[in-house]
């Protein structure tokens, strides 16, 4: 039995280009993910990585991903997994401009039945998207927990 998709909808009061940048820029990702180094090649097949110091202080990769589709500034689709990415799920980020905000829909699906990241992502996506919303609307954000 496959796991249900995780679907999150947020509204961010910022121009669509700024919201797009929030998802793909090194600076926004470093702020949202407490200093993690973010690298992405924005093309189908391009690599995505989030890395930084491990608990022992040595460099480690937190997340490994691969870009599937890119349609700036409205669609980003990629697959990703924790660590070296042996087990991956898919993420689709859809941005739709509205009158004074951008509707952001994040769908995280394609889960392996035994993927331990499912529960972590069910809890983590609302935190990440709230931190991004706060950052884009106020220029600062809050510590995750």
N, C-alpha and C. Protein backbone atom coordinates (compact mmCIF):
# COMPACT_ATOMS: atom_id res chain seq x y z
N UNK A 1 0.84 -1.18 0.00
CA UNK A 1 0.00 0.00 0.00
C UNK A 1 0.89 1.25 0.00
N UNK A 2 0.63 2.17 -0.91
CA UNK A 2 1.44 3.38 -0.97
C UNK A 2 0.96 4.41 0.05
N UNK A 3 1.88 5.22 0.49
CA UNK A 3 1.56 6.27 1.46
C UNK A 3 0.85 7.41 0.75
N UNK A 4 -0.07 8.05 1.47
CA UNK A 4 -0.82 9.17 0.92
C UNK A 4 0.11 10.35 0.63
N UNK A 5 -0.17 11.10 -0.42
CA UNK A 5 0.63 12.30 -0.69
C UNK A 5 0.49 13.30 0.45
N UNK A 6 1.54 14.06 0.68
CA UNK A 6 1.49 15.17 1.62
C UNK A 6 1.25 16.42 0.77
N UNK A 7 0.18 17.15 1.06
CA UNK A 7 -0.17 18.33 0.27
C UNK A 7 -0.35 19.51 1.21
N UNK A 8 0.35 20.61 0.90
CA UNK A 8 0.30 21.81 1.75
C UNK A 8 0.02 23.02 0.87
N UNK A 9 -0.90 23.87 1.32
CA UNK A 9 -1.23 25.10 0.60
C UNK A 9 -1.00 26.28 1.53
N UNK A 10 -0.24 27.25 1.03
CA UNK A 10 0.05 28.49 1.78
C UNK A 10 -0.17 29.66 0.84
N UNK A 11 -0.42 30.83 1.41
CA UNK A 11 -0.53 32.07 0.65
C UNK A 11 0.54 33.01 1.17
N UNK A 12 1.39 33.49 0.26
CA UNK A 12 2.50 34.36 0.64
C UNK A 12 2.30 35.72 -0.03
N UNK A 13 2.28 36.78 0.79
CA UNK A 13 2.08 38.14 0.30
C UNK A 13 3.40 38.70 -0.23
N UNK A 14 3.75 38.28 -1.44
CA UNK A 14 4.98 38.73 -2.10
C UNK A 14 4.82 38.47 -3.59
N UNK A 15 5.58 39.17 -4.44
CA UNK A 15 5.52 38.90 -5.88
C UNK A 15 5.97 37.47 -6.19
N UNK A 16 5.43 36.89 -7.24
CA UNK A 16 5.73 35.51 -7.59
C UNK A 16 7.23 35.28 -7.81
N UNK A 17 7.93 36.27 -8.37
CA UNK A 17 9.36 36.11 -8.60
C UNK A 17 10.12 35.98 -7.28
N UNK A 18 9.68 36.72 -6.27
CA UNK A 18 10.31 36.66 -4.94
C UNK A 18 10.03 35.30 -4.28
N UNK A 19 8.81 34.80 -4.45
CA UNK A 19 8.47 33.48 -3.89
C UNK A 19 9.28 32.40 -4.59
N UNK A 20 9.38 32.48 -5.90
CA UNK A 20 10.20 31.53 -6.67
C UNK A 20 11.63 31.53 -6.14
N UNK A 21 12.19 32.72 -5.99
CA UNK A 21 13.55 32.85 -5.48
C UNK A 21 13.68 32.23 -4.09
N UNK A 22 12.64 32.34 -3.30
CA UNK A 22 12.66 31.74 -1.96
C UNK A 22 12.85 30.23 -1.99
N UNK A 23 12.35 29.60 -3.03
CA UNK A 23 12.50 28.14 -3.16
C UNK A 23 13.84 27.74 -3.77
N UNK A 24 14.40 28.59 -4.63
CA UNK A 24 15.58 28.15 -5.39
C UNK A 24 16.87 28.88 -5.06
N UNK A 25 16.83 29.94 -4.27
CA UNK A 25 18.07 30.68 -4.01
C UNK A 25 18.85 30.09 -2.84
N UNK A 26 20.15 30.16 -2.97
CA UNK A 26 21.07 29.70 -1.93
C UNK A 26 20.82 30.45 -0.63
N UNK A 27 20.64 31.78 -0.73
CA UNK A 27 20.48 32.62 0.46
C UNK A 27 19.21 32.28 1.25
N UNK A 28 18.08 32.16 0.56
CA UNK A 28 16.84 31.84 1.25
C UNK A 28 16.91 30.46 1.89
N UNK A 29 17.48 29.50 1.18
CA UNK A 29 17.60 28.15 1.72
C UNK A 29 18.52 28.12 2.94
N UNK A 30 19.59 28.89 2.91
CA UNK A 30 20.48 28.95 4.08
C UNK A 30 19.75 29.53 5.28
N UNK A 31 18.89 30.51 5.07
CA UNK A 31 18.13 31.11 6.16
C UNK A 31 17.09 30.13 6.70
N UNK A 32 16.34 29.52 5.82
CA UNK A 32 15.27 28.60 6.22
C UNK A 32 15.83 27.35 6.90
N UNK A 33 16.94 26.85 6.40
CA UNK A 33 17.51 25.60 6.91
C UNK A 33 18.73 25.84 7.80
N UNK A 34 18.70 26.92 8.57
CA UNK A 34 19.68 27.19 9.62
C UNK A 34 21.13 27.07 9.14
N UNK A 35 21.42 27.68 7.98
CA UNK A 35 22.79 27.74 7.51
C UNK A 35 23.21 26.63 6.57
N UNK A 36 22.32 25.71 6.25
CA UNK A 36 22.68 24.62 5.33
C UNK A 36 23.11 25.21 3.98
N UNK A 37 24.13 24.61 3.39
CA UNK A 37 24.61 25.03 2.09
C UNK A 37 23.72 24.38 1.03
N UNK A 38 23.10 25.18 0.18
CA UNK A 38 22.18 24.70 -0.85
C UNK A 38 22.79 24.91 -2.22
N UNK A 39 22.80 23.87 -3.02
CA UNK A 39 23.27 23.93 -4.40
C UNK A 39 22.22 23.30 -5.29
N UNK A 40 21.92 23.97 -6.42
CA UNK A 40 20.95 23.41 -7.36
C UNK A 40 21.33 23.81 -8.78
N UNK A 41 21.16 22.87 -9.70
CA UNK A 41 21.27 23.12 -11.14
C UNK A 41 19.84 23.14 -11.65
N UNK A 42 19.32 24.33 -11.97
CA UNK A 42 17.91 24.46 -12.35
C UNK A 42 17.67 24.05 -13.80
N UNK A 43 17.73 22.74 -14.01
CA UNK A 43 17.45 22.14 -15.32
C UNK A 43 17.05 20.69 -15.07
N UNK A 44 16.22 20.10 -15.93
CA UNK A 44 15.88 18.69 -15.75
C UNK A 44 17.15 17.85 -15.68
N UNK A 45 17.23 16.99 -14.68
CA UNK A 45 18.41 16.17 -14.45
C UNK A 45 19.45 16.83 -13.57
N UNK A 46 19.24 18.11 -13.24
CA UNK A 46 20.19 18.85 -12.42
C UNK A 46 20.20 18.36 -10.98
N UNK A 47 21.36 18.46 -10.35
CA UNK A 47 21.53 18.01 -8.97
C UNK A 47 21.03 19.08 -7.99
N UNK A 48 20.54 18.61 -6.84
CA UNK A 48 20.16 19.47 -5.71
C UNK A 48 20.78 18.85 -4.46
N UNK A 49 21.42 19.69 -3.64
CA UNK A 49 21.96 19.17 -2.38
C UNK A 49 21.83 20.23 -1.29
N UNK A 50 21.58 19.76 -0.09
CA UNK A 50 21.64 20.56 1.12
C UNK A 50 22.68 19.87 2.00
N UNK A 51 23.70 20.61 2.43
CA UNK A 51 24.76 20.00 3.22
C UNK A 51 25.23 20.97 4.29
N UNK A 52 26.05 20.47 5.19
CA UNK A 52 26.59 21.29 6.27
C UNK A 52 27.25 20.40 7.30
N UNK A 53 27.54 20.95 8.46
CA UNK A 53 28.21 20.17 9.49
C UNK A 53 27.27 19.15 10.14
N UNK A 54 27.81 17.96 10.40
CA UNK A 54 27.07 16.94 11.13
C UNK A 54 27.17 17.19 12.62
N UNK A 55 26.59 16.31 13.40
CA UNK A 55 26.64 16.44 14.86
C UNK A 55 28.07 16.41 15.39
N UNK A 56 28.94 15.73 14.64
CA UNK A 56 30.35 15.65 15.04
C UNK A 56 31.17 16.82 14.47
N UNK A 57 30.50 17.74 13.75
CA UNK A 57 31.19 18.88 13.19
C UNK A 57 31.78 18.64 11.81
N UNK A 58 31.79 17.39 11.35
CA UNK A 58 32.35 17.06 10.04
C UNK A 58 31.30 17.31 8.96
N UNK A 59 31.74 17.71 7.75
CA UNK A 59 30.79 17.96 6.67
C UNK A 59 29.97 16.72 6.33
N UNK A 60 28.69 16.94 6.04
CA UNK A 60 27.82 15.84 5.63
C UNK A 60 26.72 16.37 4.71
N UNK A 61 26.17 15.48 3.92
CA UNK A 61 25.04 15.83 3.07
C UNK A 61 23.76 15.50 3.83
N UNK A 62 22.90 16.51 3.97
CA UNK A 62 21.62 16.31 4.65
C UNK A 62 20.58 15.71 3.69
N UNK A 63 20.55 16.26 2.47
CA UNK A 63 19.53 15.87 1.49
C UNK A 63 20.16 15.85 0.10
N UNK A 64 19.75 14.85 -0.70
CA UNK A 64 20.18 14.72 -2.09
C UNK A 64 18.95 14.73 -2.98
N UNK A 65 19.00 15.49 -4.06
CA UNK A 65 17.85 15.54 -4.95
C UNK A 65 18.25 15.66 -6.40
N UNK A 66 17.22 15.56 -7.26
CA UNK A 66 17.41 15.72 -8.70
C UNK A 66 16.21 16.48 -9.26
N UNK A 67 16.49 17.52 -10.02
CA UNK A 67 15.44 18.33 -10.64
C UNK A 67 14.77 17.52 -11.75
N UNK A 68 13.44 17.53 -11.75
CA UNK A 68 12.68 16.84 -12.80
C UNK A 68 12.11 17.81 -13.83
N UNK A 69 11.48 18.92 -13.34
CA UNK A 69 10.91 19.94 -14.23
C UNK A 69 11.11 21.31 -13.62
N UNK A 70 11.35 22.28 -14.48
CA UNK A 70 11.52 23.67 -14.05
C UNK A 70 10.78 24.57 -15.03
N UNK A 71 9.82 25.35 -14.52
CA UNK A 71 9.10 26.33 -15.32
C UNK A 71 9.01 27.62 -14.51
N UNK A 72 10.13 28.39 -14.43
CA UNK A 72 10.14 29.61 -13.62
C UNK A 72 9.10 30.62 -14.12
N UNK A 73 8.44 31.34 -13.28
CA UNK A 73 8.42 31.24 -11.83
C UNK A 73 7.19 30.51 -11.32
N UNK A 74 6.75 29.43 -11.99
CA UNK A 74 5.48 28.82 -11.58
C UNK A 74 5.56 27.36 -11.16
N UNK A 75 6.60 26.61 -11.57
CA UNK A 75 6.62 25.18 -11.26
C UNK A 75 8.05 24.69 -11.06
N UNK A 76 8.24 23.96 -9.98
CA UNK A 76 9.49 23.27 -9.71
C UNK A 76 9.13 21.87 -9.24
N UNK A 77 9.67 20.88 -9.92
CA UNK A 77 9.42 19.50 -9.54
C UNK A 77 10.76 18.79 -9.39
N UNK A 78 10.90 18.05 -8.31
CA UNK A 78 12.15 17.34 -8.07
C UNK A 78 11.90 16.11 -7.22
N UNK A 79 12.87 15.21 -7.21
CA UNK A 79 12.82 14.09 -6.28
C UNK A 79 13.96 14.29 -5.29
N UNK A 80 13.76 13.81 -4.08
CA UNK A 80 14.79 14.00 -3.06
C UNK A 80 14.69 12.92 -1.99
N UNK A 81 15.81 12.75 -1.29
CA UNK A 81 15.85 11.81 -0.19
C UNK A 81 16.86 12.27 0.84
N UNK A 82 16.72 11.78 2.03
CA UNK A 82 17.62 12.16 3.11
C UNK A 82 19.00 11.55 2.85
N UNK A 83 20.04 12.23 3.32
CA UNK A 83 21.41 11.73 3.17
C UNK A 83 21.82 11.59 1.73
N UNK A 84 22.21 10.39 1.34
CA UNK A 84 22.68 10.16 -0.02
C UNK A 84 21.54 9.92 -1.02
N UNK A 85 20.30 9.95 -0.54
CA UNK A 85 19.16 9.85 -1.44
C UNK A 85 18.87 8.47 -1.97
N UNK A 86 19.23 7.42 -1.21
CA UNK A 86 18.94 6.06 -1.67
C UNK A 86 17.44 5.83 -1.82
N UNK A 87 16.65 6.43 -0.91
CA UNK A 87 15.19 6.34 -0.96
C UNK A 87 14.68 7.75 -1.22
N UNK A 88 13.93 7.92 -2.32
CA UNK A 88 13.48 9.26 -2.70
C UNK A 88 11.96 9.34 -2.83
N UNK A 89 11.44 10.54 -2.61
CA UNK A 89 10.06 10.86 -2.90
C UNK A 89 10.09 12.04 -3.88
N UNK A 90 8.91 12.44 -4.36
CA UNK A 90 8.83 13.52 -5.34
C UNK A 90 8.16 14.74 -4.71
N UNK A 91 8.62 15.92 -5.10
CA UNK A 91 8.02 17.17 -4.65
C UNK A 91 7.64 18.00 -5.87
N UNK A 92 6.43 18.54 -5.85
CA UNK A 92 6.00 19.48 -6.88
C UNK A 92 5.59 20.76 -6.18
N UNK A 93 6.23 21.87 -6.55
CA UNK A 93 5.93 23.19 -6.01
C UNK A 93 5.25 23.97 -7.12
N UNK A 94 4.00 24.39 -6.87
CA UNK A 94 3.23 25.15 -7.85
C UNK A 94 2.94 26.53 -7.28
N UNK A 95 3.29 27.57 -8.04
CA UNK A 95 3.08 28.95 -7.62
C UNK A 95 2.06 29.60 -8.55
N UNK A 96 0.99 30.15 -7.95
CA UNK A 96 -0.05 30.80 -8.73
C UNK A 96 -0.28 32.20 -8.18
N UNK A 97 0.06 33.24 -8.96
CA UNK A 97 -0.17 34.60 -8.49
C UNK A 97 -1.66 34.88 -8.33
N UNK A 98 -2.00 35.55 -7.24
CA UNK A 98 -3.36 36.01 -7.01
C UNK A 98 -3.30 37.52 -6.85
N UNK A 99 -4.36 38.15 -6.43
CA UNK A 99 -4.40 39.61 -6.38
C UNK A 99 -3.28 40.21 -5.54
N UNK A 100 -3.13 39.79 -4.29
CA UNK A 100 -2.10 40.36 -3.42
C UNK A 100 -1.19 39.32 -2.80
N UNK A 101 -1.26 38.11 -3.31
CA UNK A 101 -0.46 37.02 -2.74
C UNK A 101 -0.18 35.98 -3.82
N UNK A 102 0.66 35.04 -3.47
CA UNK A 102 0.94 33.89 -4.34
C UNK A 102 0.44 32.65 -3.62
N UNK A 103 -0.38 31.88 -4.31
CA UNK A 103 -0.83 30.60 -3.77
C UNK A 103 0.29 29.59 -4.02
N UNK A 104 0.76 28.97 -2.94
CA UNK A 104 1.84 28.00 -3.00
C UNK A 104 1.26 26.63 -2.63
N UNK A 105 1.34 25.69 -3.56
CA UNK A 105 0.89 24.33 -3.28
C UNK A 105 2.10 23.41 -3.42
N UNK A 106 2.44 22.73 -2.33
CA UNK A 106 3.53 21.77 -2.32
C UNK A 106 2.93 20.38 -2.17
N UNK A 107 3.22 19.52 -3.13
CA UNK A 107 2.77 18.13 -3.08
C UNK A 107 4.00 17.25 -2.99
N UNK A 108 4.07 16.45 -1.93
CA UNK A 108 5.19 15.53 -1.72
C UNK A 108 4.61 14.12 -1.80
N UNK A 109 4.92 13.40 -2.88
CA UNK A 109 4.34 12.07 -3.09
C UNK A 109 5.39 11.10 -3.61
N UNK A 110 4.94 9.95 -4.09
CA UNK A 110 5.86 8.95 -4.62
C UNK A 110 6.66 8.27 -3.52
N UNK A 111 6.05 8.11 -2.38
CA UNK A 111 6.73 7.54 -1.21
C UNK A 111 6.91 6.04 -1.31
N UNK A 112 8.07 5.57 -0.92
CA UNK A 112 8.28 4.13 -0.72
C UNK A 112 7.56 3.77 0.57
N UNK A 113 7.03 2.58 0.65
CA UNK A 113 6.26 2.16 1.83
C UNK A 113 7.06 2.28 3.13
N UNK A 114 8.35 1.98 3.06
CA UNK A 114 9.16 1.95 4.28
C UNK A 114 10.03 3.21 4.44
N UNK A 115 9.71 4.29 3.72
CA UNK A 115 10.53 5.51 3.80
C UNK A 115 10.37 6.15 5.17
N UNK A 116 11.44 6.19 5.97
CA UNK A 116 11.35 6.76 7.31
C UNK A 116 11.18 8.28 7.30
N UNK A 117 11.39 8.92 6.14
CA UNK A 117 11.27 10.37 6.06
C UNK A 117 9.82 10.84 5.96
N UNK A 118 8.86 9.92 5.75
CA UNK A 118 7.46 10.33 5.58
C UNK A 118 6.95 11.12 6.78
N UNK A 119 7.08 10.59 7.97
CA UNK A 119 6.59 11.28 9.17
C UNK A 119 7.37 12.57 9.40
N UNK A 120 8.67 12.53 9.15
CA UNK A 120 9.50 13.73 9.33
C UNK A 120 9.04 14.83 8.37
N UNK A 121 8.73 14.49 7.13
CA UNK A 121 8.30 15.48 6.16
C UNK A 121 6.88 15.96 6.43
N UNK A 122 6.01 15.09 6.93
CA UNK A 122 4.66 15.50 7.29
C UNK A 122 4.71 16.60 8.35
N UNK A 123 5.65 16.50 9.27
CA UNK A 123 5.84 17.51 10.30
C UNK A 123 6.69 18.68 9.80
N UNK A 124 7.66 18.39 8.96
CA UNK A 124 8.63 19.40 8.54
C UNK A 124 8.13 20.39 7.51
N UNK A 125 7.32 19.97 6.54
CA UNK A 125 6.86 20.89 5.49
C UNK A 125 6.13 22.11 6.06
N UNK A 126 5.20 21.96 6.99
CA UNK A 126 4.55 23.17 7.53
C UNK A 126 5.55 24.12 8.19
N UNK A 127 6.55 23.58 8.86
CA UNK A 127 7.58 24.43 9.49
C UNK A 127 8.39 25.17 8.42
N UNK A 128 8.82 24.44 7.39
CA UNK A 128 9.62 25.04 6.32
C UNK A 128 8.83 26.12 5.60
N UNK A 129 7.59 25.81 5.24
CA UNK A 129 6.78 26.77 4.50
C UNK A 129 6.41 27.98 5.36
N UNK A 130 6.20 27.78 6.64
CA UNK A 130 5.94 28.91 7.54
C UNK A 130 7.17 29.79 7.67
N UNK A 131 8.34 29.18 7.76
CA UNK A 131 9.58 29.95 7.84
C UNK A 131 9.81 30.74 6.55
N UNK A 132 9.53 30.12 5.39
CA UNK A 132 9.68 30.80 4.11
C UNK A 132 8.68 31.96 4.01
N UNK A 133 7.44 31.73 4.37
CA UNK A 133 6.42 32.78 4.33
C UNK A 133 6.84 33.96 5.19
N UNK A 134 7.27 33.69 6.40
CA UNK A 134 7.70 34.75 7.31
C UNK A 134 8.90 35.51 6.73
N UNK A 135 9.88 34.78 6.20
CA UNK A 135 11.07 35.40 5.61
C UNK A 135 10.69 36.32 4.46
N UNK A 136 9.86 35.85 3.55
CA UNK A 136 9.53 36.64 2.36
C UNK A 136 8.65 37.83 2.69
N UNK A 137 7.83 37.71 3.71
CA UNK A 137 6.93 38.81 4.07
C UNK A 137 7.57 39.83 5.02
N UNK A 138 8.54 39.40 5.83
CA UNK A 138 9.10 40.31 6.85
C UNK A 138 10.60 40.53 6.73
N UNK A 139 11.30 39.69 5.96
CA UNK A 139 12.74 39.81 5.84
C UNK A 139 13.51 39.08 6.92
N UNK A 140 12.80 38.42 7.83
CA UNK A 140 13.45 37.61 8.87
C UNK A 140 12.58 36.38 9.10
N UNK A 141 13.09 35.42 9.86
CA UNK A 141 12.30 34.24 10.15
C UNK A 141 12.57 33.80 11.58
N UNK A 142 12.04 32.67 11.98
CA UNK A 142 12.16 32.18 13.34
C UNK A 142 12.91 30.86 13.35
N UNK A 143 13.49 30.52 14.51
CA UNK A 143 14.18 29.24 14.65
C UNK A 143 13.16 28.11 14.52
N UNK A 144 13.55 26.99 13.92
CA UNK A 144 12.58 25.93 13.66
C UNK A 144 11.92 25.33 14.90
N UNK A 145 12.65 25.08 15.97
CA UNK A 145 12.09 24.55 17.23
C UNK A 145 13.21 24.24 18.19
